[in-house]
Amino acid sequence: MIVRTKLVGVSFEGRQDNIKQVTDGLRLFWEHEPNNIYDANAIHVYADPNKEISLGHLSKEIAAKFVQWIAAGEDLSILCTQVTGGKTAHQSFGVNVEIHRVKHEVQ
């Protein structure tokens, strides 16, 4: 199953510069942040496996579902489908993503 969404918080903490490094089709990396002061379900999304190039977060609604999928033992991956915006000096970049879910069959 595939869920399509966009990242939020892309204009904070230098993420606009980080997004310039992202290309369509890039596999992204994620980290659950249960101690996040704003949302215990927060899912932080990065451009690199070392989690040094922060891109933003999944929305609160999608993150809540994502945490349920983690708890259910699903394999989850995130791909960048499109970097948007940035066409003018005053237009922010955005990141559209696909979350790929693989459920395991009970045998």
PDB file of N, CA and C in Angstrom:
ATOM      1  N   MET A   1       0.833  -1.170   0.000  1.00  0.00           N
ATOM      2  CA  MET A   1       0.000   0.000   0.000  1.00  0.00           C
ATOM      3  C   MET A   1       0.885   1.242   0.000  1.00  0.00           C
ATOM      4  N   ILE A   2       0.443   2.272  -0.697  1.00  0.00           N
ATOM      5  CA  ILE A   2       1.190   3.526  -0.785  1.00  0.00           C
ATOM      6  C   ILE A   2       0.329   4.667  -0.255  1.00  0.00           C
ATOM      7  N   VAL A   3       0.922   5.508   0.581  1.00  0.00           N
ATOM      8  CA  VAL A   3       0.273   6.708   1.091  1.00  0.00           C
ATOM      9  C   VAL A   3       1.070   7.901   0.567  1.00  0.00           C
ATOM     10  N   ARG A   4       0.387   8.825  -0.079  1.00  0.00           N
ATOM     11  CA  ARG A   4       1.040  10.026  -0.604  1.00  0.00           C
ATOM     12  C   ARG A   4       0.718  11.218   0.294  1.00  0.00           C
ATOM     13  N   THR A   5       1.756  12.013   0.593  1.00  0.00           N
ATOM     14  CA  THR A   5       1.591  13.174   1.455  1.00  0.00           C
ATOM     15  C   THR A   5       2.745  14.137   1.196  1.00  0.00           C
ATOM     16  N   LYS A   6       2.801  15.198   1.959  1.00  0.00           N
ATOM     17  CA  LYS A   6       3.926  16.125   1.880  1.00  0.00           C
ATOM     18  C   LYS A   6       4.499  16.324   3.270  1.00  0.00           C
ATOM     19  N   LEU A   7       5.759  16.710   3.323  1.00  0.00           N
ATOM     20  CA  LEU A   7       6.405  16.963   4.605  1.00  0.00           C
ATOM     21  C   LEU A   7       5.973  18.323   5.136  1.00  0.00           C
ATOM     22  N   VAL A   8       5.937  18.442   6.455  1.00  0.00           N
ATOM     23  CA  VAL A   8       5.639  19.707   7.119  1.00  0.00           C
ATOM     24  C   VAL A   8       6.894  20.178   7.850  1.00  0.00           C
ATOM     25  N   GLY A   9       6.912  21.466   8.187  1.00  0.00           N
ATOM     26  CA  GLY A   9       8.059  22.015   8.909  1.00  0.00           C
ATOM     27  C   GLY A   9       9.289  22.199   8.041  1.00  0.00           C
ATOM     28  N   VAL A  10       9.093  22.301   6.720  1.00  0.00           N
ATOM     29  CA  VAL A  10      10.228  22.372   5.792  1.00  0.00           C
ATOM     30  C   VAL A  10      10.924  23.732   5.777  1.00  0.00           C
ATOM     31  N   SER A  11      10.342  24.724   6.431  1.00  0.00           N
ATOM     32  CA  SER A  11      10.959  26.059   6.408  1.00  0.00           C
ATOM     33  C   SER A  11      11.727  26.381   7.694  1.00  0.00           C
ATOM     34  N   PHE A  12      11.894  25.400   8.564  1.00  0.00           N
ATOM     35  CA  PHE A  12      12.590  25.618   9.831  1.00  0.00           C
ATOM     36  C   PHE A  12      13.992  25.010   9.822  1.00  0.00           C
ATOM     37  N   GLU A  13      14.866  25.541  10.673  1.00  0.00           N
ATOM     38  CA  GLU A  13      16.179  24.954  10.992  1.00  0.00           C
ATOM     39  C   GLU A  13      17.036  24.670   9.759  1.00  0.00           C
ATOM     40  N   GLY A  14      17.036  25.569   8.793  1.00  0.00           N
ATOM     41  CA  GLY A  14      17.892  25.421   7.611  1.00  0.00           C
ATOM     42  C   GLY A  14      17.451  24.355   6.632  1.00  0.00           C
ATOM     43  N   ARG A  15      16.232  23.867   6.767  1.00  0.00           N
ATOM     44  CA  ARG A  15      15.777  22.766   5.910  1.00  0.00           C
ATOM     45  C   ARG A  15      15.617  23.172   4.449  1.00  0.00           C
ATOM     46  N   GLN A  16      15.369  24.459   4.171  1.00  0.00           N
ATOM     47  CA  GLN A  16      15.243  24.885   2.784  1.00  0.00           C
ATOM     48  C   GLN A  16      16.541  24.617   2.019  1.00  0.00           C
ATOM     49  N   ASP A  17      17.681  24.852   2.643  1.00  0.00           N
ATOM     50  CA  ASP A  17      18.967  24.537   2.007  1.00  0.00           C
ATOM     51  C   ASP A  17      19.147  23.032   1.858  1.00  0.00           C
ATOM     52  N   ASN A  18      18.695  22.274   2.840  1.00  0.00           N
ATOM     53  CA  ASN A  18      18.807  20.815   2.770  1.00  0.00           C
ATOM     54  C   ASN A  18      17.977  20.247   1.622  1.00  0.00           C
ATOM     55  N   ILE A  19      16.798  20.817   1.421  1.00  0.00           N
ATOM     56  CA  ILE A  19      15.906  20.311   0.369  1.00  0.00           C
ATOM     57  C   ILE A  19      16.539  20.481  -1.006  1.00  0.00           C
ATOM     58  N   LYS A  20      17.385  21.463  -1.179  1.00  0.00           N
ATOM     59  CA  LYS A  20      18.071  21.675  -2.465  1.00  0.00           C
ATOM     60  C   LYS A  20      18.934  20.466  -2.845  1.00  0.00           C
ATOM     61  N   GLN A  21      19.285  19.629  -1.882  1.00  0.00           N
ATOM     62  CA  GLN A  21      20.116  18.444  -2.122  1.00  0.00           C
ATOM     63  C   GLN A  21      19.295  17.216  -2.521  1.00  0.00           C
ATOM     64  N   VAL A  22      17.970  17.337  -2.484  1.00  0.00           N
ATOM     65  CA  VAL A  22      17.074  16.197  -2.683  1.00  0.00           C
ATOM     66  C   VAL A  22      16.628  16.138  -4.143  1.00  0.00           C
ATOM     67  N   THR A  23      16.544  14.920  -4.674  1.00  0.00           N
ATOM     68  CA  THR A  23      16.054  14.722  -6.032  1.00  0.00           C
ATOM     69  C   THR A  23      14.842  13.794  -6.005  1.00  0.00           C
ATOM     70  N   ASP A  24      14.002  13.935  -7.006  1.00  0.00           N
ATOM     71  CA  ASP A  24      12.839  13.056  -7.128  1.00  0.00           C
ATOM     72  C   ASP A  24      13.294  11.605  -7.186  1.00  0.00           C
ATOM     73  N   GLY A  25      12.602  10.739  -6.481  1.00  0.00           N
ATOM     74  CA  GLY A  25      12.932   9.312  -6.465  1.00  0.00           C
ATOM     75  C   GLY A  25      13.903   8.907  -5.369  1.00  0.00           C
ATOM     76  N   LEU A  26      14.435   9.881  -4.623  1.00  0.00           N
ATOM     77  CA  LEU A  26      15.407   9.584  -3.571  1.00  0.00           C
ATOM     78  C   LEU A  26      14.734   8.868  -2.411  1.00  0.00           C
ATOM     79  N   ARG A  27      15.371   7.792  -1.940  1.00  0.00           N
ATOM     80  CA  ARG A  27      14.899   7.113  -0.736  1.00  0.00           C
ATOM     81  C   ARG A  27      15.241   7.988   0.453  1.00  0.00           C
ATOM     82  N   LEU A  28      14.264   8.231   1.304  1.00  0.00           N
ATOM     83  CA  LEU A  28      14.459   9.045   2.490  1.00  0.00           C
ATOM     84  C   LEU A  28      14.510   8.156   3.731  1.00  0.00           C
ATOM     85  N   PHE A  29      14.951   8.715   4.824  1.00  0.00           N
ATOM     86  CA  PHE A  29      15.124   7.985   6.072  1.00  0.00           C
ATOM     87  C   PHE A  29      14.296   8.662   7.150  1.00  0.00           C
ATOM     88  N   TRP A  30      13.870   7.876   8.112  1.00  0.00           N
ATOM     89  CA  TRP A  30      12.966   8.428   9.124  1.00  0.00           C
ATOM     90  C   TRP A  30      13.367   7.983  10.513  1.00  0.00           C
ATOM     91  N   GLU A  31      12.876   8.752  11.496  1.00  0.00           N
ATOM     92  CA  GLU A  31      13.115   8.418  12.895  1.00  0.00           C
ATOM     93  C   GLU A  31      11.886   8.819  13.702  1.00  0.00           C
ATOM     94  N   HIS A  32      11.395   7.887  14.497  1.00  0.00           N
ATOM     95  CA  HIS A  32      10.291   8.190  15.408  1.00  0.00           C
ATOM     96  C   HIS A  32      10.865   8.968  16.583  1.00  0.00           C
ATOM     97  N   GLU A  33      10.196  10.058  16.960  1.00  0.00           N
ATOM     98  CA  GLU A  33      10.645  10.896  18.072  1.00  0.00           C
ATOM     99  C   GLU A  33       9.610  10.876  19.202  1.00  0.00           C
ATOM    100  N   PRO A  34       9.564   9.805  19.984  1.00  0.00           N
ATOM    101  CA  PRO A  34       8.543   9.697  21.027  1.00  0.00           C
ATOM    102  C   PRO A  34       8.666  10.771  22.112  1.00  0.00           C
ATOM    103  N   ASN A  35       9.829  11.416  22.232  1.00  0.00           N
ATOM    104  CA  ASN A  35      10.028  12.460  23.238  1.00  0.00           C
ATOM    105  C   ASN A  35       9.864  13.867  22.668  1.00  0.00           C
ATOM    106  N   ASN A  36       9.357  13.971  21.448  1.00  0.00           N
ATOM    107  CA  ASN A  36       9.120  15.273  20.824  1.00  0.00           C
ATOM    108  C   ASN A  36       8.089  16.032  21.664  1.00  0.00           C
ATOM    109  N   ILE A  37       8.400  17.275  22.036  1.00  0.00           N
ATOM    110  CA  ILE A  37       7.522  18.030  22.940  1.00  0.00           C
ATOM    111  C   ILE A  37       6.192  18.421  22.297  1.00  0.00           C
ATOM    112  N   TYR A  38       6.121  18.396  20.974  1.00  0.00           N
ATOM    113  CA  TYR A  38       4.892  18.775  20.281  1.00  0.00           C
ATOM    114  C   TYR A  38       4.007  17.583  19.931  1.00  0.00           C
ATOM    115  N   ASP A  39       4.618  16.418  19.731  1.00  0.00           N
ATOM    116  CA  ASP A  39       3.857  15.257  19.282  1.00  0.00           C
ATOM    117  C   ASP A  39       4.648  13.984  19.572  1.00  0.00           C
ATOM    118  N   ALA A  40       4.141  13.142  20.443  1.00  0.00           N
ATOM    119  CA  ALA A  40       4.822  11.878  20.790  1.00  0.00           C
ATOM    120  C   ALA A  40       4.877  10.910  19.613  1.00  0.00           C
ATOM    121  N   ASN A  41       4.065  11.149  18.585  1.00  0.00           N
ATOM    122  CA  ASN A  41       4.094  10.312  17.377  1.00  0.00           C
ATOM    123  C   ASN A  41       4.977  10.893  16.283  1.00  0.00           C
ATOM    124  N   ALA A  42       5.684  11.979  16.555  1.00  0.00           N
ATOM    125  CA  ALA A  42       6.445  12.683  15.518  1.00  0.00           C
ATOM    126  C   ALA A  42       7.371  11.740  14.750  1.00  0.00           C
ATOM    127  N   ILE A  43       7.340  11.886  13.427  1.00  0.00           N
ATOM    128  CA  ILE A  43       8.239  11.150  12.534  1.00  0.00           C
ATOM    129  C   ILE A  43       9.069  12.171  11.780  1.00  0.00           C
ATOM    130  N   HIS A  44      10.362  12.216  12.078  1.00  0.00           N
ATOM    131  CA  HIS A  44      11.316  13.138  11.463  1.00  0.00           C
ATOM    132  C   HIS A  44      11.855  12.465  10.200  1.00  0.00           C
ATOM    133  N   VAL A  45      11.921  13.208   9.109  1.00  0.00           N
ATOM    134  CA  VAL A  45      12.365  12.651   7.832  1.00  0.00           C
ATOM    135  C   VAL A  45      13.679  13.313   7.423  1.00  0.00           C
ATOM    136  N   TYR A  46      14.618  12.476   6.977  1.00  0.00           N
ATOM    137  CA  TYR A  46      15.961  12.917   6.612  1.00  0.00           C
ATOM    138  C   TYR A  46      16.308  12.470   5.189  1.00  0.00           C
ATOM    139  N   ALA A  47      17.305  13.145   4.615  1.00  0.00           N
ATOM    140  CA  ALA A  47      17.766  12.798   3.267  1.00  0.00           C
ATOM    141  C   ALA A  47      18.892  11.779   3.295  1.00  0.00           C
ATOM    142  N   ASP A  48      19.426  11.469   4.459  1.00  0.00           N
ATOM    143  CA  ASP A  48      20.601  10.596   4.543  1.00  0.00           C
ATOM    144  C   ASP A  48      20.442   9.577   5.677  1.00  0.00           C
ATOM    145  N   PRO A  49      21.123   8.434   5.539  1.00  0.00           N
ATOM    146  CA  PRO A  49      20.987   7.394   6.567  1.00  0.00           C
ATOM    147  C   PRO A  49      21.594   7.777   7.915  1.00  0.00           C
ATOM    148  N   ASN A  50      22.502   8.742   7.948  1.00  0.00           N
ATOM    149  CA  ASN A  50      23.100   9.186   9.213  1.00  0.00           C
ATOM    150  C   ASN A  50      22.211  10.184   9.942  1.00  0.00           C
ATOM    151  N   LYS A  51      21.112  10.561   9.296  1.00  0.00           N
ATOM    152  CA  LYS A  51      20.122  11.474   9.872  1.00  0.00           C
ATOM    153  C   LYS A  51      20.748  12.817  10.242  1.00  0.00           C
ATOM    154  N   GLU A  52      21.539  13.335   9.304  1.00  0.00           N
ATOM    155  CA  GLU A  52      22.158  14.645   9.485  1.00  0.00           C
ATOM    156  C   GLU A  52      21.504  15.713   8.615  1.00  0.00           C
ATOM    157  N   ILE A  53      20.810  15.302   7.543  1.00  0.00           N
ATOM    158  CA  ILE A  53      20.202  16.250   6.612  1.00  0.00           C
ATOM    159  C   ILE A  53      18.689  16.218   6.813  1.00  0.00           C
ATOM    160  N   SER A  54      18.235  17.064   7.731  1.00  0.00           N
ATOM    161  CA  SER A  54      16.826  17.120   8.110  1.00  0.00           C
ATOM    162  C   SER A  54      16.001  17.777   7.010  1.00  0.00           C
ATOM    163  N   LEU A  55      14.846  17.153   6.683  1.00  0.00           N
ATOM    164  CA  LEU A  55      13.953  17.711   5.672  1.00  0.00           C
ATOM    165  C   LEU A  55      12.637  18.202   6.254  1.00  0.00           C
ATOM    166  N   GLY A  56      12.181  17.611   7.337  1.00  0.00           N
ATOM    167  CA  GLY A  56      10.909  17.984   7.943  1.00  0.00           C
ATOM    168  C   GLY A  56      10.303  16.791   8.649  1.00  0.00           C
ATOM    169  N   HIS A  57       8.985  16.844   8.827  1.00  0.00           N
ATOM    170  CA  HIS A  57       8.248  15.803   9.537  1.00  0.00           C
ATOM    171  C   HIS A  57       7.025  15.382   8.738  1.00  0.00           C
ATOM    172  N   LEU A  58       6.506  14.215   9.067  1.00  0.00           N
ATOM    173  CA  LEU A  58       5.191  13.844   8.577  1.00  0.00           C
ATOM    174  C   LEU A  58       4.164  14.647   9.365  1.00  0.00           C
ATOM    175  N   SER A  59       3.016  14.919   8.753  1.00  0.00           N
ATOM    176  CA  SER A  59       1.968  15.655   9.462  1.00  0.00           C
ATOM    177  C   SER A  59       1.537  14.862  10.691  1.00  0.00           C
ATOM    178  N   LYS A  60       0.930  15.543  11.624  1.00  0.00           N
ATOM    179  CA  LYS A  60       0.498  14.911  12.876  1.00  0.00           C
ATOM    180  C   LYS A  60      -0.439  13.732  12.605  1.00  0.00           C
ATOM    181  N   GLU A  61      -1.359  13.898  11.663  1.00  0.00           N
ATOM    182  CA  GLU A  61      -2.328  12.839  11.348  1.00  0.00           C
ATOM    183  C   GLU A  61      -1.641  11.612  10.732  1.00  0.00           C
ATOM    184  N   ILE A  62      -0.756  11.851   9.786  1.00  0.00           N
ATOM    185  CA  ILE A  62      -0.045  10.733   9.133  1.00  0.00           C
ATOM    186  C   ILE A  62       0.914  10.082  10.125  1.00  0.00           C
ATOM    187  N   ALA A  63       1.580  10.887  10.955  1.00  0.00           N
ATOM    188  CA  ALA A  63       2.522  10.333  11.941  1.00  0.00           C
ATOM    189  C   ALA A  63       1.823   9.388  12.911  1.00  0.00           C
ATOM    190  N   ALA A  64       0.605   9.718  13.329  1.00  0.00           N
ATOM    191  CA  ALA A  64      -0.145   8.843  14.239  1.00  0.00           C
ATOM    192  C   ALA A  64      -0.400   7.490  13.580  1.00  0.00           C
ATOM    193  N   LYS A  65      -0.755   7.505  12.312  1.00  0.00           N
ATOM    194  CA  LYS A  65      -0.958   6.243  11.581  1.00  0.00           C
ATOM    195  C   LYS A  65       0.363   5.500  11.411  1.00  0.00           C
ATOM    196  N   PHE A  66       1.424   6.243  11.096  1.00  0.00           N
ATOM    197  CA  PHE A  66       2.749   5.658  10.890  1.00  0.00           C
ATOM    198  C   PHE A  66       3.182   4.880  12.128  1.00  0.00           C
ATOM    199  N   VAL A  67       2.980   5.468  13.312  1.00  0.00           N
ATOM    200  CA  VAL A  67       3.357   4.808  14.566  1.00  0.00           C
ATOM    201  C   VAL A  67       2.536   3.538  14.765  1.00  0.00           C
ATOM    202  N   GLN A  68       1.262   3.554  14.377  1.00  0.00           N
ATOM    203  CA  GLN A  68       0.434   2.345  14.445  1.00  0.00           C
ATOM    204  C   GLN A  68       0.991   1.265  13.513  1.00  0.00           C
ATOM    205  N   TRP A  69       1.410   1.668  12.323  1.00  0.00           N
ATOM    206  CA  TRP A  69       1.969   0.704  11.367  1.00  0.00           C
ATOM    207  C   TRP A  69       3.270   0.116  11.895  1.00  0.00           C
ATOM    208  N   ILE A  70       4.101   0.958  12.545  1.00  0.00           N
ATOM    209  CA  ILE A  70       5.343   0.467  13.165  1.00  0.00           C
ATOM    210  C   ILE A  70       4.989  -0.591  14.212  1.00  0.00           C
ATOM    211  N   ALA A  71       4.036  -0.271  15.069  1.00  0.00           N
ATOM    212  CA  ALA A  71       3.634  -1.189  16.143  1.00  0.00           C
ATOM    213  C   ALA A  71       3.088  -2.495  15.597  1.00  0.00           C
ATOM    214  N   ALA A  72       2.474  -2.443  14.409  1.00  0.00           N
ATOM    215  CA  ALA A  72       1.923  -3.644  13.781  1.00  0.00           C
ATOM    216  C   ALA A  72       3.001  -4.450  13.053  1.00  0.00           C
ATOM    217  N   GLY A  73       4.240  -3.953  13.076  1.00  0.00           N
ATOM    218  CA  GLY A  73       5.350  -4.691  12.473  1.00  0.00           C
ATOM    219  C   GLY A  73       5.474  -4.530  10.970  1.00  0.00           C
ATOM    220  N   GLU A  74       4.854  -3.502  10.414  1.00  0.00           N
ATOM    221  CA  GLU A  74       4.947  -3.287   8.971  1.00  0.00           C
ATOM    222  C   GLU A  74       6.314  -2.734   8.594  1.00  0.00           C
ATOM    223  N   ASP A  75       6.776  -3.078   7.401  1.00  0.00           N
ATOM    224  CA  ASP A  75       7.983  -2.478   6.842  1.00  0.00           C
ATOM    225  C   ASP A  75       7.569  -1.185   6.167  1.00  0.00           C
ATOM    226  N   LEU A  76       8.229  -0.094   6.518  1.00  0.00           N
ATOM    227  CA  LEU A  76       7.863   1.216   6.000  1.00  0.00           C
ATOM    228  C   LEU A  76       9.070   1.878   5.358  1.00  0.00           C
ATOM    229  N   SER A  77       8.861   2.455   4.190  1.00  0.00           N
ATOM    230  CA  SER A  77       9.909   3.243   3.550  1.00  0.00           C
ATOM    231  C   SER A  77       9.278   4.503   2.989  1.00  0.00           C
ATOM    232  N   ILE A  78      10.102   5.532   2.840  1.00  0.00           N
ATOM    233  CA  ILE A  78       9.624   6.812   2.338  1.00  0.00           C
ATOM    234  C   ILE A  78      10.472   7.207   1.145  1.00  0.00           C
ATOM    235  N   LEU A  79       9.804   7.600   0.064  1.00  0.00           N
ATOM    236  CA  LEU A  79      10.482   8.077  -1.145  1.00  0.00           C
ATOM    237  C   LEU A  79      10.059   9.504  -1.433  1.00  0.00           C
ATOM    238  N   CYS A  80      11.002  10.316  -1.902  1.00  0.00           N
ATOM    239  CA  CYS A  80      10.665  11.644  -2.382  1.00  0.00           C
ATOM    240  C   CYS A  80      10.073  11.489  -3.778  1.00  0.00           C
ATOM    241  N   THR A  81       8.872  11.989  -3.977  1.00  0.00           N
ATOM    242  CA  THR A  81       8.273  11.924  -5.315  1.00  0.00           C
ATOM    243  C   THR A  81       8.455  13.228  -6.073  1.00  0.00           C
ATOM    244  N   GLN A  82       8.567  14.346  -5.328  1.00  0.00           N
ATOM    245  CA  GLN A  82       8.727  15.629  -6.015  1.00  0.00           C
ATOM    246  C   GLN A  82       9.170  16.709  -5.041  1.00  0.00           C
ATOM    247  N   VAL A  83      10.173  17.471  -5.470  1.00  0.00           N
ATOM    248  CA  VAL A  83      10.530  18.697  -4.761  1.00  0.00           C
ATOM    249  C   VAL A  83       9.756  19.803  -5.462  1.00  0.00           C
ATOM    250  N   THR A  84       9.005  20.564  -4.690  1.00  0.00           N
ATOM    251  CA  THR A  84       8.153  21.605  -5.260  1.00  0.00           C
ATOM    252  C   THR A  84       8.654  22.992  -4.871  1.00  0.00           C
ATOM    253  N   GLY A  85       8.155  23.999  -5.568  1.00  0.00           N
ATOM    254  CA  GLY A  85       8.447  25.388  -5.226  1.00  0.00           C
ATOM    255  C   GLY A  85       9.855  25.810  -5.572  1.00  0.00           C
ATOM    256  N   GLY A  86      10.296  26.882  -4.912  1.00  0.00           N
ATOM    257  CA  GLY A  86      11.648  27.395  -5.103  1.00  0.00           C
ATOM    258  C   GLY A  86      11.893  28.054  -6.448  1.00  0.00           C
ATOM    259  N   LYS A  87      10.823  28.375  -7.172  1.00  0.00           N
ATOM    260  CA  LYS A  87      10.990  28.951  -8.505  1.00  0.00           C
ATOM    261  C   LYS A  87      11.375  30.431  -8.465  1.00  0.00           C
ATOM    262  N   THR A  88      11.067  31.094  -7.350  1.00  0.00           N
ATOM    263  CA  THR A  88      11.478  32.477  -7.159  1.00  0.00           C
ATOM    264  C   THR A  88      12.198  32.580  -5.818  1.00  0.00           C
ATOM    265  N   ALA A  89      12.853  33.694  -5.601  1.00  0.00           N
ATOM    266  CA  ALA A  89      13.607  33.880  -4.358  1.00  0.00           C
ATOM    267  C   ALA A  89      12.703  33.885  -3.127  1.00  0.00           C
ATOM    268  N   HIS A  90      11.413  34.190  -3.324  1.00  0.00           N
ATOM    269  CA  HIS A  90      10.492  34.274  -2.188  1.00  0.00           C
ATOM    270  C   HIS A  90       9.611  33.043  -2.035  1.00  0.00           C
ATOM    271  N   GLN A  91       9.813  32.039  -2.872  1.00  0.00           N
ATOM    272  CA  GLN A  91       8.971  30.840  -2.828  1.00  0.00           C
ATOM    273  C   GLN A  91       9.724  29.704  -2.148  1.00  0.00           C
ATOM    274  N   SER A  92       9.136  29.160  -1.097  1.00  0.00           N
ATOM    275  CA  SER A  92       9.756  28.067  -0.350  1.00  0.00           C
ATOM    276  C   SER A  92       9.693  26.759  -1.130  1.00  0.00           C
ATOM    277  N   PHE A  93      10.651  25.888  -0.834  1.00  0.00           N
ATOM    278  CA  PHE A  93      10.625  24.530  -1.362  1.00  0.00           C
ATOM    279  C   PHE A  93       9.693  23.678  -0.513  1.00  0.00           C
ATOM    280  N   GLY A  94       9.151  22.639  -1.115  1.00  0.00           N
ATOM    281  CA  GLY A  94       8.366  21.642  -0.415  1.00  0.00           C
ATOM    282  C   GLY A  94       8.811  20.263  -0.872  1.00  0.00           C
ATOM    283  N   VAL A  95       8.377  19.244  -0.161  1.00  0.00           N
ATOM    284  CA  VAL A  95       8.743  17.863  -0.513  1.00  0.00           C
ATOM    285  C   VAL A  95       7.495  16.984  -0.462  1.00  0.00           C
ATOM    286  N   ASN A  96       7.137  16.420  -1.607  1.00  0.00           N
ATOM    287  CA  ASN A  96       6.068  15.427  -1.673  1.00  0.00           C
ATOM    288  C   ASN A  96       6.692  14.056  -1.535  1.00  0.00           C
ATOM    289  N   VAL A  97       6.035  13.179  -0.775  1.00  0.00           N
ATOM    290  CA  VAL A  97       6.599  11.853  -0.513  1.00  0.00           C
ATOM    291  C   VAL A  97       5.546  10.762  -0.678  1.00  0.00           C
ATOM    292  N   GLU A  98       6.048   9.560  -0.831  1.00  0.00           N
ATOM    293  CA  GLU A  98       5.226   8.350  -0.789  1.00  0.00           C
ATOM    294  C   GLU A  98       5.724   7.493   0.353  1.00  0.00           C
ATOM    295  N   ILE A  99       4.785   7.021   1.156  1.00  0.00           N
ATOM    296  CA  ILE A  99       5.116   6.062   2.214  1.00  0.00           C
ATOM    297  C   ILE A  99       4.698   4.700   1.687  1.00  0.00           C
ATOM    298  N   HIS A 100       5.643   3.791   1.591  1.00  0.00           N
ATOM    299  CA  HIS A 100       5.369   2.433   1.127  1.00  0.00           C
ATOM    300  C   HIS A 100       5.241   1.538   2.340  1.00  0.00           C
ATOM    301  N   ARG A 101       4.100   0.845   2.405  1.00  0.00           N
ATOM    302  CA  ARG A 101       3.802  -0.054   3.523  1.00  0.00           C
ATOM    303  C   ARG A 101       3.778  -1.490   3.030  1.00  0.00           C
ATOM    304  N   VAL A 102       4.476  -2.358   3.727  1.00  0.00           N
ATOM    305  CA  VAL A 102       4.454  -3.777   3.406  1.00  0.00           C
ATOM    306  C   VAL A 102       4.000  -4.514   4.654  1.00  0.00           C
ATOM    307  N   LYS A 103       2.809  -5.110   4.561  1.00  0.00           N
ATOM    308  CA  LYS A 103       2.285  -5.910   5.668  1.00  0.00           C
ATOM    309  C   LYS A 103       2.810  -7.329   5.536  1.00  0.00           C
ATOM    310  N   HIS A 104       3.151  -7.924   6.639  1.00  0.00           N
ATOM    311  CA  HIS A 104       3.621  -9.306   6.627  1.00  0.00           C
ATOM    312  C   HIS A 104       2.456 -10.238   6.903  1.00  0.00           C
ATOM    313  N   GLU A 105       2.367 -11.252   6.104  1.00  0.00           N
ATOM    314  CA  GLU A 105       1.306 -12.257   6.279  1.00  0.00           C
ATOM    315  C   GLU A 105       1.656 -13.165   7.455  1.00  0.00           C
ATOM    316  N   VAL A 106       0.678 -13.430   8.285  1.00  0.00           N
ATOM    317  CA  VAL A 106       0.869 -14.351   9.400  1.00  0.00           C
ATOM    318  C   VAL A 106       0.754 -15.770   8.852  1.00  0.00           C
ATOM    319  N   GLN A 107       1.743 -16.591   9.181  1.00  0.00           N
ATOM    320  CA  GLN A 107       1.751 -17.962   8.658  1.00  0.00           C
ATOM    321  C   GLN A 107       1.496 -18.969   9.750  1.00  0.00           C
TER     322      GLN A 107
END
